Amino acid sequence: MNKTAPIIPRSPDPEHAPAWRRELAEAVTRPAELLALLGLPPEPAAETAAGLFGLRVPRGFIARMRHGDRNDPLLLQVLPQAAECAAAPAGYGPDPLAEAAAMTVPGLLHKYRGRGLLTLTGACGIHCRYCF
């Protein structure tokens, strides 16, 4: 029996992978690494919060952040915060913005007149601390 390589390999070697796959594979997923890349001290609370909602930041996004600035708006968009670990008040639920009711068809969120969010996948390339 002649064994040959499949026409489409299951996982391309990293050198030939599409750019978006390389970006995702090389994204920063630990707060300590993100802060170190920016010349900032580690924050234990960020590590704890990242355990509740993961961190994923492409290196190209990090390159746009100001080195040494803990209050950089791009950093604040992605860095897990201690407040994320606080107990939620009564009445808080998994859909606090009532987006389920605005999902007119699967994959299309239509909350505001003249605007829509098309979700093609359940995963994002960057994990913001807030969303649409």
Foldseek 3Di string as FASTA:
>chain_A
DDDDADPDHPDDDLVPDPPLVVQLVPWDWAQCVLQVVLVHHGDVLQRVQCVVPIWTGGVVLSVPFHRPDPVTPSCLFGGGDNVSVDDDDPPDDPCNPPQVVQCPDPQWRDDDPPDIGGHPDPDDNGDTPDDD
